Amino acid sequence: MPVLELREVTKVFPGVIANDRVSMTLERGEIVALLGENGAGKSTLMNVVYGLLSPDHGEILLDGEPTKIRSPRQAIDHGIGMVHQHFMLVEPLTVTENIVLGREPGRFGIIDFSDARAKVAALSKRYGLKIDPDARIMDLSVGMQQRVEILKALYQGAGVLILDEPTAVLTPQEVRELFAVVKSLVAEGLSVVFITHKLEEVMAVADRIIVMRGGAVVGETRPSETDAVGLARMMVGRDVVLSVEKGAATCGDTVLDVVDLQVKDDRGLDAVAGVTFNVCGGEIVAIAGVSGNGQSELIDAIVGLRAPSAGSIALKGADITHASARASIEAGVSHIPEDRHRRGLVLEFDLAENLVLGDHRSAPYASHGFMKPRVVAEMARTRIADYDIRTPSEKVLASSMSGGNQQKVVVAREIGRDPELLVAAQPTRGLDVGAIEFVHKQILAAREAGKGVLLISLELEEVLSLADRILVMYEGRIVREFVGGEADAETLGYHMTGGGGSKLDEGAQTEAAGQAPSEGEVVR
């Protein structure tokens, strides 16, 4: 008997059928991968199971019994836990305090912290999730924070664990550790639903694969019965080119020149500590690093969102060190931000308005201070079609769109601006294979057109596929540089976590300043 069964589950939003009579089962001790492109309905379906959404039709069965789940609290009471893509942790609190939050042991309103710590330690030991119960969340790596989320679900008694895009911000080593944890949980009798659009992860961890497209289940298979090409075809409904094909870079004039840049974080601490590098026209330079090592502050400084404390930034020879964000755009810098909600979109605006942000004061979209709605709408419809943005209309609010489609809006706007420098931070975060293929083609087209591209990505396969040069950033410094094709994910992951030390040797500093190494040479 399945531990979880969905029968004909349907969920409708205005103008969109998010889930169309979806049926599926999950057996005890099984890992089921829920695979699909953006807008396929994966997260919506699991949000129904977790009680965040109510189904319009269909039923949910737990151990064969029809069950109404109207809230996450009821889902937890029924043994269902969910780890969201964006963690729900309170950063100033300790690991123990986060795990027991809402279910603190004690009597008469007094929390027994000693008991809580002992329970967390015992749970951690039982499932092999080694973590310091007294560590504060803000001091933990992203991989460790994810362990806390999993432990929290286990502490609450989860027998079914839903993982929503769990590897989005992890290094290859952390991904392997996560997979080992998931398999150990399954060996203990837990059942796992793994929401993802990453084909290689599905092949590595899943017992069974359910593929969704357009809100419906279009196929079910097992890793032993298929391959990445077959899964991609099932997901998208057509053949997809999974590898990036690009010619050798033709390096033109210097587009971006960063010299001894120092940038402080929000706490006034040095986040970028004397970084020097350049990007020339016709090349893609990628910065690889674990989240929190100064990449965000570096990007902010380059695009005019944060003032450097020292050093200089030049765009095609013009000083933009202290340029505002608007001046940066006008100078020819486009920015795909890593957080589309905070920096990429105005969620209360419609799609057309978001597609013209930054250019809304300029021709052809405005005249004498007034926007031209017809021109904006026409442009929006063109970009919706070109970028395969799934929406019934350009008048749909950005807040009502799926995360993947929101990302496509940002990418369409920034690449469509035809910049001199494209700063692309996590440009394919949350995108499916079809959309990733398209975005990669657009980035390569910018490179071929002689534009400079600065790519910041946590997806190491993306970095390795697209980059002509790779700079590894650790603790605010560029610690290694590799020529594209000379590194692999393991090597990058090693240096990203400080394995190679925190200082560039003399040869690496020379390369970071823009002097390419001789053919076949690489800094190790």
Protein backbone atom coordinates (compact mmCIF):
# COMPACT_ATOMS: atom_id res chain seq x y z
CA MET A 1 0.00 0.00 0.00
CA PRO A 2 1.47 3.42 -0.96
CA VAL A 3 2.37 5.72 1.91
CA LEU A 4 1.09 8.61 -0.25
CA GLU A 5 -1.34 8.52 -3.17
CA LEU A 6 -2.79 11.35 -5.23
CA ARG A 7 -5.91 10.74 -7.29
CA GLU A 8 -6.98 13.15 -10.04
CA VAL A 9 -5.64 16.20 -8.18
CA THR A 10 -6.56 19.42 -9.98
CA LYS A 11 -5.55 22.97 -9.09
CA VAL A 12 -6.69 25.97 -11.13
CA PHE A 13 -5.46 29.56 -10.92
CA PRO A 14 -7.03 32.41 -12.93
CA GLY A 15 -6.30 31.63 -16.56
CA VAL A 16 -4.03 28.67 -15.75
CA ILE A 17 -4.61 24.99 -14.98
CA ALA A 18 -1.60 24.36 -12.75
CA ASN A 19 -2.42 20.70 -12.03
CA ASP A 20 -4.62 18.76 -14.44
CA ARG A 21 -5.99 15.54 -12.89
CA VAL A 22 -2.64 14.40 -11.56
CA SER A 23 -2.35 10.93 -10.09
CA MET A 24 0.77 9.46 -8.53
CA THR A 25 1.95 7.17 -5.74
CA LEU A 26 4.87 7.10 -3.32
CA GLU A 27 5.88 3.82 -1.68
CA ARG A 28 7.49 3.51 1.72
CA GLY A 29 11.29 3.67 1.48
CA GLU A 30 11.23 5.07 -2.07
CA ILE A 31 12.72 8.16 -3.74
CA VAL A 32 10.44 9.55 -6.43
CA ALA A 33 11.78 12.38 -8.58
CA LEU A 34 9.17 14.83 -9.79
CA LEU A 35 10.73 16.17 -12.98
CA GLY A 36 9.47 18.88 -15.28
CA GLU A 37 10.12 22.23 -16.89
CA ASN A 38 9.10 25.56 -15.37
CA GLY A 39 5.35 25.91 -15.00
CA ALA A 40 4.87 22.15 -15.27
CA GLY A 41 3.09 22.14 -11.91
CA LYS A 42 5.62 20.25 -9.76
CA SER A 43 5.85 22.67 -6.85
CA THR A 44 2.14 23.46 -7.00
CA LEU A 45 1.34 19.76 -6.65
CA MET A 46 3.59 19.34 -3.63
CA ASN A 47 2.28 22.58 -2.10
CA VAL A 48 -1.15 20.94 -2.26
CA VAL A 49 0.23 17.87 -0.47
CA TYR A 50 1.87 20.08 2.17
CA GLY A 51 -1.31 22.08 2.79
CA LEU A 52 -0.09 25.39 1.38
CA LEU A 53 -2.74 25.15 -1.35
CA SER A 54 -6.15 23.48 -1.45
CA PRO A 55 -7.00 21.26 -4.44
CA ASP A 56 -10.02 22.16 -6.56
CA HIS A 57 -10.64 18.50 -7.31
CA GLY A 58 -9.24 15.10 -6.44
CA GLU A 59 -8.10 13.49 -3.21
CA ILE A 60 -5.03 12.68 -1.17
CA LEU A 61 -4.61 9.30 0.51
CA LEU A 62 -2.16 8.58 3.32
CA ASP A 63 -1.63 4.85 3.97
CA GLY A 64 -4.78 4.20 1.98
CA GLU A 65 -6.99 6.61 3.93
CA PRO A 66 -8.48 9.72 2.23
CA THR A 67 -7.10 12.75 4.07
CA LYS A 68 -7.89 16.47 3.99
CA ILE A 69 -4.77 18.62 4.45
CA ARG A 70 -5.70 22.26 4.91
CA SER A 71 -2.48 23.67 6.36
CA PRO A 72 1.22 22.88 6.81
CA ARG A 73 0.51 22.19 10.48
CA GLN A 74 -1.93 19.44 9.48
CA ALA A 75 0.61 18.09 6.97
CA ILE A 76 3.25 17.93 9.72
CA ASP A 77 0.76 16.21 12.04
CA HIS A 78 0.22 13.63 9.28
CA GLY A 79 3.98 13.04 8.98
CA ILE A 80 4.69 15.13 5.89
CA GLY A 81 7.69 17.48 5.92
CA MET A 82 8.84 19.87 3.22
CA VAL A 83 12.22 21.56 2.69
CA HIS A 84 11.69 24.59 0.47
CA GLN A 85 14.16 25.94 -2.07
CA HIS A 86 14.46 29.12 0.01
CA PHE A 87 15.19 28.00 3.57
CA MET A 88 12.80 28.94 6.37
CA LEU A 89 15.37 29.42 9.13
CA VAL A 90 15.87 32.18 11.71
CA GLU A 91 19.51 33.13 11.18
CA PRO A 92 20.37 34.64 14.62
CA LEU A 93 19.11 31.51 16.42
CA THR A 94 21.08 28.31 17.00
CA VAL A 95 20.64 25.01 15.20
CA THR A 96 18.77 23.58 18.19
CA GLU A 97 16.48 26.59 18.55
CA ASN A 98 15.55 26.44 14.86
CA ILE A 99 14.85 22.72 14.90
CA VAL A 100 12.57 22.74 17.95
CA LEU A 101 10.90 26.07 17.11
CA GLY A 102 7.16 25.65 17.59
CA ARG A 103 7.59 22.29 19.32
CA GLU A 104 9.91 23.16 22.17
CA PRO A 105 10.24 20.57 24.96
CA GLY A 106 9.43 21.81 28.46
CA ARG A 107 6.67 22.35 30.98
CA PHE A 108 4.51 25.26 32.08
CA GLY A 109 5.81 27.46 29.27
CA ILE A 110 9.45 27.02 30.27
CA ILE A 111 11.66 25.57 27.52
CA ASP A 112 14.03 22.80 28.53
CA PHE A 113 17.01 23.71 26.33
CA SER A 114 19.11 20.87 27.72
CA ASP A 115 16.49 18.36 26.63
CA ALA A 116 16.10 20.09 23.27
CA ARG A 117 19.83 19.98 22.61
CA ALA A 118 20.01 16.30 23.59
CA LYS A 119 17.15 15.42 21.25
CA VAL A 120 18.73 17.30 18.35
CA ALA A 121 22.10 15.65 18.99
CA ALA A 122 20.47 12.19 19.13
CA LEU A 123 18.53 12.85 15.91
CA SER A 124 21.66 14.11 14.19
CA LYS A 125 23.59 11.01 15.21
CA ARG A 126 20.81 8.60 14.22
CA TYR A 127 20.59 9.90 10.66
CA GLY A 128 24.28 10.71 10.18
CA LEU A 129 23.57 14.43 9.82
CA LYS A 130 26.60 15.72 11.69
CA ILE A 131 26.08 19.28 12.85
CA ASP A 132 26.86 21.40 15.91
CA PRO A 133 23.58 21.89 17.88
CA ASP A 134 24.94 25.16 19.33
CA ALA A 135 26.06 26.77 16.06
CA ARG A 136 24.17 29.81 14.86
CA ILE A 137 22.48 29.52 11.46
CA MET A 138 24.21 32.67 10.19
CA ASP A 139 27.59 31.00 10.68
CA LEU A 140 26.74 27.84 8.73
CA SER A 141 27.36 27.05 5.08
CA VAL A 142 24.36 26.64 2.80
CA GLY A 143 24.82 22.86 2.84
CA MET A 144 24.77 22.80 6.64
CA GLN A 145 21.67 25.00 6.71
CA GLN A 146 19.94 22.50 4.48
CA ARG A 147 20.80 19.75 6.97
CA VAL A 148 19.10 21.83 9.65
CA GLU A 149 15.95 22.04 7.53
CA ILE A 150 15.97 18.27 7.05
CA LEU A 151 16.56 17.67 10.76
CA LYS A 152 13.70 20.03 11.57
CA ALA A 153 11.35 17.96 9.41
CA LEU A 154 12.59 14.75 11.03
CA TYR A 155 12.20 16.24 14.54
CA GLN A 156 8.58 17.01 13.64
CA GLY A 157 8.07 13.32 12.82
CA ALA A 158 8.16 13.36 9.02
CA GLY A 159 7.75 10.00 7.32
CA VAL A 160 7.34 11.63 3.92
CA LEU A 161 9.94 14.26 3.03
CA ILE A 162 9.44 16.67 0.11
CA LEU A 163 12.63 18.34 -1.17
CA ASP A 164 11.97 21.29 -3.49
CA GLU A 165 14.98 21.99 -5.76
CA PRO A 166 17.35 20.98 -2.93
CA THR A 167 20.64 21.36 -4.82
CA ALA A 168 20.12 24.85 -6.25
CA VAL A 169 22.85 26.48 -4.11
CA LEU A 170 25.13 23.54 -3.28
CA THR A 171 28.68 22.71 -4.42
CA PRO A 172 29.28 19.28 -6.05
CA GLN A 173 30.67 17.96 -2.77
CA GLU A 174 27.58 19.18 -0.89
CA VAL A 175 25.32 17.62 -3.53
CA ARG A 176 27.00 14.25 -3.00
CA GLU A 177 26.64 14.63 0.76
CA LEU A 178 22.95 15.46 0.35
CA PHE A 179 22.36 12.40 -1.82
CA ALA A 180 24.10 10.22 0.77
CA VAL A 181 21.85 11.71 3.46
CA VAL A 182 18.71 11.13 1.38
CA LYS A 183 19.64 7.52 0.75
CA SER A 184 20.34 6.95 4.46
CA LEU A 185 16.92 8.39 5.30
CA VAL A 186 15.27 6.05 2.83
CA ALA A 187 17.17 3.12 4.37
CA GLU A 188 15.54 4.13 7.68
CA GLY A 189 12.10 3.78 6.06
CA LEU A 190 11.38 7.37 5.03
CA SER A 191 9.87 8.19 1.65
CA VAL A 192 11.16 11.13 -0.40
CA VAL A 193 9.72 13.26 -3.19
CA PHE A 194 12.54 15.08 -4.98
CA ILE A 195 11.38 18.08 -7.06
CA THR A 196 13.95 19.04 -9.67
CA HIS A 197 14.65 19.92 -13.28
CA LYS A 198 18.26 18.63 -13.19
CA LEU A 199 18.50 15.50 -15.26
CA GLU A 200 21.83 14.22 -13.92
CA GLU A 201 20.55 14.37 -10.33
CA VAL A 202 17.45 12.40 -11.21
CA MET A 203 19.58 9.69 -12.76
CA ALA A 204 21.84 9.60 -9.68
CA VAL A 205 19.33 9.47 -6.83
CA ALA A 206 15.81 8.46 -7.94
CA ASP A 207 14.18 5.05 -7.74
CA ARG A 208 11.34 6.21 -9.95
CA ILE A 209 10.82 9.30 -12.13
CA ILE A 210 7.50 11.02 -12.78
CA VAL A 211 7.62 13.62 -15.56
CA MET A 212 5.16 16.52 -15.69
CA ARG A 213 4.45 18.90 -18.54
CA GLY A 214 1.74 21.53 -18.76
CA GLY A 215 0.32 20.58 -15.37
CA ALA A 216 -0.17 16.91 -16.24
CA VAL A 217 1.83 13.71 -15.85
CA VAL A 218 3.21 12.79 -19.29
CA GLY A 219 5.34 9.81 -18.35
CA GLU A 220 6.82 7.61 -15.68
CA THR A 221 10.09 5.72 -15.87
CA ARG A 222 13.16 4.55 -13.95
CA PRO A 223 16.84 5.55 -14.31
CA SER A 224 17.66 2.07 -15.62
CA GLU A 225 15.11 2.50 -18.42
CA THR A 226 16.14 5.90 -19.81
CA ASP A 227 18.90 8.51 -20.12
CA ALA A 228 19.23 12.29 -19.88
CA VAL A 229 18.37 12.79 -23.56
CA GLY A 230 15.17 10.76 -23.23
CA LEU A 231 14.15 12.59 -20.05
CA ALA A 232 14.76 15.99 -21.65
CA ARG A 233 12.62 15.01 -24.62
CA MET A 234 9.85 13.85 -22.29
CA MET A 235 10.04 17.08 -20.26
CA VAL A 236 10.04 19.56 -23.11
CA GLY A 237 8.27 17.60 -25.84
CA ARG A 238 11.15 17.97 -28.31
CA ASP A 239 14.82 17.15 -28.67
CA VAL A 240 17.03 19.39 -26.52
CA VAL A 241 20.73 20.14 -27.01
CA LEU A 242 22.21 19.39 -23.59
CA SER A 243 25.79 20.39 -24.39
CA VAL A 244 27.01 23.90 -25.13
CA GLU A 245 28.86 24.25 -28.42
CA LYS A 246 31.04 27.33 -28.78
CA GLY A 247 34.09 28.33 -30.72
CA ALA A 248 37.27 29.81 -29.32
CA ALA A 249 36.96 33.25 -27.80
CA THR A 250 38.15 36.21 -29.83
CA CYS A 251 39.22 38.71 -27.20
CA GLY A 252 38.70 42.29 -28.34
CA ASP A 253 39.11 45.56 -26.47
CA THR A 254 38.78 45.55 -22.70
CA VAL A 255 35.13 46.09 -21.70
CA LEU A 256 35.40 45.81 -17.91
CA ASP A 257 38.53 46.64 -15.91
CA VAL A 258 38.44 46.10 -12.14
CA VAL A 259 41.55 47.15 -10.19
CA ASP A 260 42.24 46.42 -6.50
CA LEU A 261 38.54 46.65 -5.68
CA GLN A 262 37.49 46.61 -2.04
CA VAL A 263 33.86 46.46 -0.98
CA LYS A 264 32.28 46.24 2.45
CA ASP A 265 29.17 44.21 3.31
CA ASP A 266 26.09 45.46 5.17
CA ARG A 267 27.88 45.00 8.50
CA GLY A 268 30.81 47.17 7.44
CA LEU A 269 33.16 44.20 7.08
CA ASP A 270 35.43 43.62 4.09
CA ALA A 271 33.54 41.37 1.66
CA VAL A 272 35.72 42.02 -1.40
CA ALA A 273 39.38 42.34 -0.47
CA GLY A 274 41.46 43.77 -3.30
CA VAL A 275 40.12 42.06 -6.42
CA THR A 276 41.70 42.73 -9.82
CA PHE A 277 40.52 41.27 -13.15
CA ASN A 278 39.19 42.29 -16.53
CA VAL A 279 36.69 41.14 -19.15
CA CYS A 280 37.29 41.81 -22.80
CA GLY A 281 34.78 42.00 -25.61
CA GLY A 282 33.95 38.60 -27.05
CA GLU A 283 34.68 36.53 -23.95
CA ILE A 284 32.79 35.08 -21.00
CA VAL A 285 34.54 35.35 -17.65
CA ALA A 286 32.91 33.33 -14.88
CA ILE A 287 33.29 33.77 -11.15
CA ALA A 288 32.83 30.53 -9.24
CA GLY A 289 32.46 30.43 -5.48
CA VAL A 290 30.36 29.18 -2.61
CA SER A 291 27.60 31.65 -1.78
CA GLY A 292 28.73 34.27 0.73
CA ASN A 293 32.33 34.72 -0.37
CA GLY A 294 31.97 38.26 -1.71
CA GLN A 295 30.40 37.60 -5.10
CA SER A 296 27.20 39.51 -4.27
CA GLU A 297 29.07 42.57 -3.05
CA LEU A 298 31.35 42.47 -6.10
CA ILE A 299 28.35 42.42 -8.44
CA ASP A 300 26.65 45.23 -6.52
CA ALA A 301 29.73 47.42 -6.89
CA ILE A 302 30.04 46.78 -10.63
CA VAL A 303 26.38 47.56 -11.39
CA GLY A 304 26.14 50.64 -9.17
CA LEU A 305 24.21 49.24 -6.25
CA ARG A 306 27.01 49.49 -3.67
CA ALA A 307 29.85 52.01 -3.36
CA PRO A 308 33.34 50.48 -3.21
CA SER A 309 35.57 51.50 -0.32
CA ALA A 310 38.68 51.46 -2.54
CA GLY A 311 39.83 50.54 -6.03
CA SER A 312 38.38 51.32 -9.44
CA ILE A 313 35.92 50.04 -12.05
CA ALA A 314 36.09 51.09 -15.70
CA LEU A 315 33.69 50.31 -18.56
CA LYS A 316 35.39 50.63 -21.96
CA GLY A 317 37.86 53.05 -20.41
CA ALA A 318 35.27 55.24 -18.67
CA ASP A 319 35.35 55.36 -14.87
CA ILE A 320 32.10 54.01 -13.36
CA THR A 321 33.47 53.31 -9.87
CA HIS A 322 30.88 55.54 -8.19
CA ALA A 323 28.18 55.48 -10.88
CA SER A 324 24.57 54.98 -9.75
CA ALA A 325 22.52 52.03 -10.95
CA ARG A 326 20.75 54.23 -13.51
CA ALA A 327 24.05 55.68 -14.75
CA SER A 328 25.44 52.16 -15.00
CA ILE A 329 22.54 51.10 -17.24
CA GLU A 330 22.95 54.21 -19.39
CA ALA A 331 26.69 53.46 -19.72
CA GLY A 332 25.89 50.03 -21.16
CA VAL A 333 25.72 47.58 -18.24
CA SER A 334 22.91 45.02 -18.00
CA HIS A 335 22.41 43.05 -14.81
CA ILE A 336 20.60 39.76 -14.29
CA PRO A 337 20.41 39.80 -10.47
CA GLU A 338 20.82 36.71 -8.33
CA ASP A 339 17.62 37.52 -6.39
CA ARG A 340 14.89 38.23 -8.92
CA HIS A 341 12.36 39.27 -6.26
CA ARG A 342 14.54 41.86 -4.52
CA ARG A 343 16.40 43.22 -7.53
CA GLY A 344 14.90 41.91 -10.76
CA LEU A 345 11.16 42.54 -10.61
CA VAL A 346 8.46 44.73 -9.16
CA LEU A 347 6.02 41.99 -8.25
CA GLU A 348 3.04 44.39 -8.13
CA PHE A 349 3.70 45.46 -11.75
CA ASP A 350 2.45 43.52 -14.74
CA LEU A 351 4.69 41.61 -17.09
CA ALA A 352 4.88 44.37 -19.73
CA GLU A 353 5.89 46.96 -17.13
CA ASN A 354 8.60 44.67 -15.76
CA LEU A 355 9.97 44.02 -19.25
CA VAL A 356 10.63 47.73 -19.75
CA LEU A 357 12.08 48.54 -16.31
CA GLY A 358 15.23 50.63 -16.60
CA ASP A 359 14.29 51.79 -20.10
CA HIS A 360 10.86 53.13 -19.19
CA ARG A 361 12.03 56.77 -19.43
CA SER A 362 13.70 56.32 -22.82
CA ALA A 363 12.64 56.08 -26.46
CA PRO A 364 10.93 54.23 -27.95
CA TYR A 365 9.02 53.35 -24.77
CA ALA A 366 8.47 56.91 -23.55
CA SER A 367 8.19 60.44 -24.87
CA HIS A 368 8.32 63.71 -22.90
CA GLY A 369 8.17 61.81 -19.62
CA PHE A 370 5.15 59.65 -20.53
CA MET A 371 5.25 55.94 -21.31
CA LYS A 372 3.73 54.66 -24.55
CA PRO A 373 1.50 51.73 -23.52
CA ARG A 374 1.02 50.38 -27.04
CA VAL A 375 4.74 50.33 -27.78
CA VAL A 376 5.48 48.69 -24.40
CA ALA A 377 2.76 46.07 -24.93
CA GLU A 378 4.04 45.26 -28.43
CA MET A 379 7.59 44.83 -27.15
CA ALA A 380 6.31 42.65 -24.29
CA ARG A 381 4.40 40.33 -26.62
CA THR A 382 7.49 39.92 -28.79
CA ARG A 383 9.72 39.04 -25.83
CA ILE A 384 7.09 36.72 -24.36
CA ALA A 385 7.16 34.74 -27.60
CA ASP A 386 10.96 34.90 -28.05
CA TYR A 387 11.72 33.76 -24.50
CA ASP A 388 8.87 31.25 -24.17
CA ILE A 389 7.42 33.04 -21.13
CA ARG A 390 4.37 31.01 -20.08
CA THR A 391 1.60 33.55 -19.50
CA PRO A 392 -1.88 34.14 -20.90
CA SER A 393 -1.19 37.87 -21.30
CA GLU A 394 1.39 40.62 -20.88
CA LYS A 395 -1.01 42.14 -18.33
CA VAL A 396 -0.52 39.31 -15.82
CA LEU A 397 1.08 40.48 -12.57
CA ALA A 398 4.65 39.30 -12.02
CA SER A 399 3.67 38.06 -8.55
CA SER A 400 1.30 35.48 -10.05
CA MET A 401 3.90 33.87 -12.31
CA SER A 402 6.02 30.81 -11.52
CA GLY A 403 9.60 31.40 -10.41
CA GLY A 404 10.99 30.10 -13.67
CA ASN A 405 8.82 32.39 -15.75
CA GLN A 406 9.74 35.34 -13.52
CA GLN A 407 13.39 34.57 -14.27
CA LYS A 408 12.69 34.50 -17.99
CA VAL A 409 11.20 38.00 -17.75
CA VAL A 410 14.39 39.32 -16.15
CA VAL A 411 16.64 37.57 -18.67
CA ALA A 412 14.55 38.81 -21.62
CA ARG A 413 14.73 42.42 -20.41
CA GLU A 414 18.46 42.49 -19.63
CA ILE A 415 19.72 40.66 -22.70
CA GLY A 416 17.21 42.51 -24.90
CA ARG A 417 18.82 45.82 -23.86
CA ASP A 418 21.88 45.00 -26.03
CA PRO A 419 24.48 46.01 -23.42
CA GLU A 420 28.23 46.45 -23.70
CA LEU A 421 28.65 44.36 -20.53
CA LEU A 422 26.24 41.68 -19.38
CA VAL A 423 26.58 40.84 -15.69
CA ALA A 424 24.69 37.55 -15.38
CA ALA A 425 24.27 36.33 -11.79
CA GLN A 426 22.60 32.92 -11.61
CA PRO A 427 20.95 33.51 -15.04
CA THR A 428 19.38 30.05 -15.22
CA ARG A 429 18.41 29.64 -11.56
CA GLY A 430 15.10 27.78 -11.48
CA LEU A 431 14.98 27.22 -15.25
CA ASP A 432 14.29 23.91 -16.99
CA VAL A 433 16.48 22.35 -19.67
CA GLY A 434 14.62 23.97 -22.55
CA ALA A 435 14.85 27.45 -21.08
CA ILE A 436 18.47 26.90 -20.02
CA GLU A 437 19.33 25.93 -23.60
CA PHE A 438 17.77 29.18 -24.84
CA VAL A 439 19.42 31.43 -22.23
CA HIS A 440 22.81 29.86 -22.91
CA LYS A 441 22.35 30.58 -26.62
CA GLN A 442 21.55 34.21 -25.84
CA ILE A 443 24.63 34.58 -23.64
CA LEU A 444 26.80 33.02 -26.34
CA ALA A 445 25.20 35.30 -28.94
CA ALA A 446 26.21 38.32 -26.83
CA ARG A 447 29.76 36.94 -26.73
CA GLU A 448 29.80 36.39 -30.48
CA ALA A 449 28.57 39.98 -30.96
CA GLY A 450 31.69 41.21 -29.16
CA LYS A 451 30.04 41.98 -25.83
CA GLY A 452 31.73 41.30 -22.52
CA VAL A 453 30.00 38.79 -20.25
CA LEU A 454 30.64 38.39 -16.53
CA LEU A 455 28.95 35.22 -15.37
CA ILE A 456 28.41 34.45 -11.69
CA SER A 457 26.90 31.03 -11.14
CA LEU A 458 26.65 28.33 -8.50
CA GLU A 459 25.96 25.81 -11.28
CA LEU A 460 29.44 24.52 -11.97
CA GLU A 461 28.40 22.69 -15.12
CA GLU A 462 27.13 26.02 -16.43
CA VAL A 463 30.41 27.71 -15.55
CA LEU A 464 32.45 24.96 -17.20
CA SER A 465 30.28 24.94 -20.32
CA LEU A 466 30.12 28.68 -20.95
CA ALA A 467 33.26 30.28 -19.53
CA ASP A 468 36.38 31.16 -21.47
CA ARG A 469 38.09 31.99 -18.18
CA ILE A 470 37.08 30.99 -14.65
CA LEU A 471 38.00 32.97 -11.53
CA VAL A 472 37.51 31.17 -8.20
CA MET A 473 36.52 33.49 -5.36
CA TYR A 474 37.05 32.57 -1.71
CA GLU A 475 36.81 34.84 1.33
CA GLY A 476 36.63 37.98 -0.81
CA ARG A 477 39.65 37.21 -2.97
CA ILE A 478 40.29 35.60 -6.33
CA VAL A 479 42.32 32.59 -5.29
CA ARG A 480 42.65 30.74 -8.60
CA GLU A 481 42.13 31.29 -12.30
CA PHE A 482 41.53 28.58 -14.88
CA VAL A 483 41.30 28.75 -18.63
CA GLY A 484 38.02 27.24 -19.88
CA GLY A 485 38.46 23.53 -20.52
CA GLU A 486 41.33 23.17 -18.04
CA ALA A 487 39.23 22.55 -14.91
CA ASP A 488 36.46 20.21 -13.80
CA ALA A 489 33.70 20.45 -11.20
CA GLU A 490 35.73 18.58 -8.59
CA THR A 491 38.72 20.90 -8.92
CA LEU A 492 36.55 24.01 -8.81
CA GLY A 493 34.64 22.73 -5.79
CA TYR A 494 37.93 22.02 -4.01
CA HIS A 495 39.21 25.57 -4.47
CA MET A 496 35.78 27.12 -3.80
CA THR A 497 35.87 25.70 -0.29
CA GLY A 498 39.40 26.92 0.46
CA GLY A 499 41.14 23.66 -0.36
CA GLY A 500 43.87 25.38 -2.35
CA GLY A 501 44.57 28.12 0.16
CA SER A 502 43.35 31.70 0.19
CA LYS A 503 46.10 33.53 -1.71
CA LEU A 504 46.92 33.70 -5.39
CA ASP A 505 50.46 32.83 -6.30
CA GLU A 506 52.36 35.30 -8.49
CA GLY A 507 51.42 33.55 -11.74
CA ALA A 508 47.73 33.50 -10.88
CA GLN A 509 47.76 37.21 -10.01
CA THR A 510 49.24 37.98 -13.40
CA GLU A 511 46.50 35.98 -15.13
CA ALA A 512 43.71 37.58 -13.09
CA ALA A 513 44.94 40.98 -14.21
CA GLY A 514 44.17 39.90 -17.76
CA GLN A 515 47.38 38.30 -19.09
CA ALA A 516 46.30 34.97 -20.46
CA PRO A 517 48.47 31.93 -19.65
CA SER A 518 50.33 30.11 -22.33
CA GLU A 519 48.48 27.37 -24.17
CA GLY A 520 47.67 24.40 -21.96
CA GLU A 521 48.88 26.17 -18.81
CA VAL A 522 46.64 26.29 -15.74
CA VAL A 523 47.09 27.47 -12.18
CA ARG A 524 46.62 24.70 -9.65
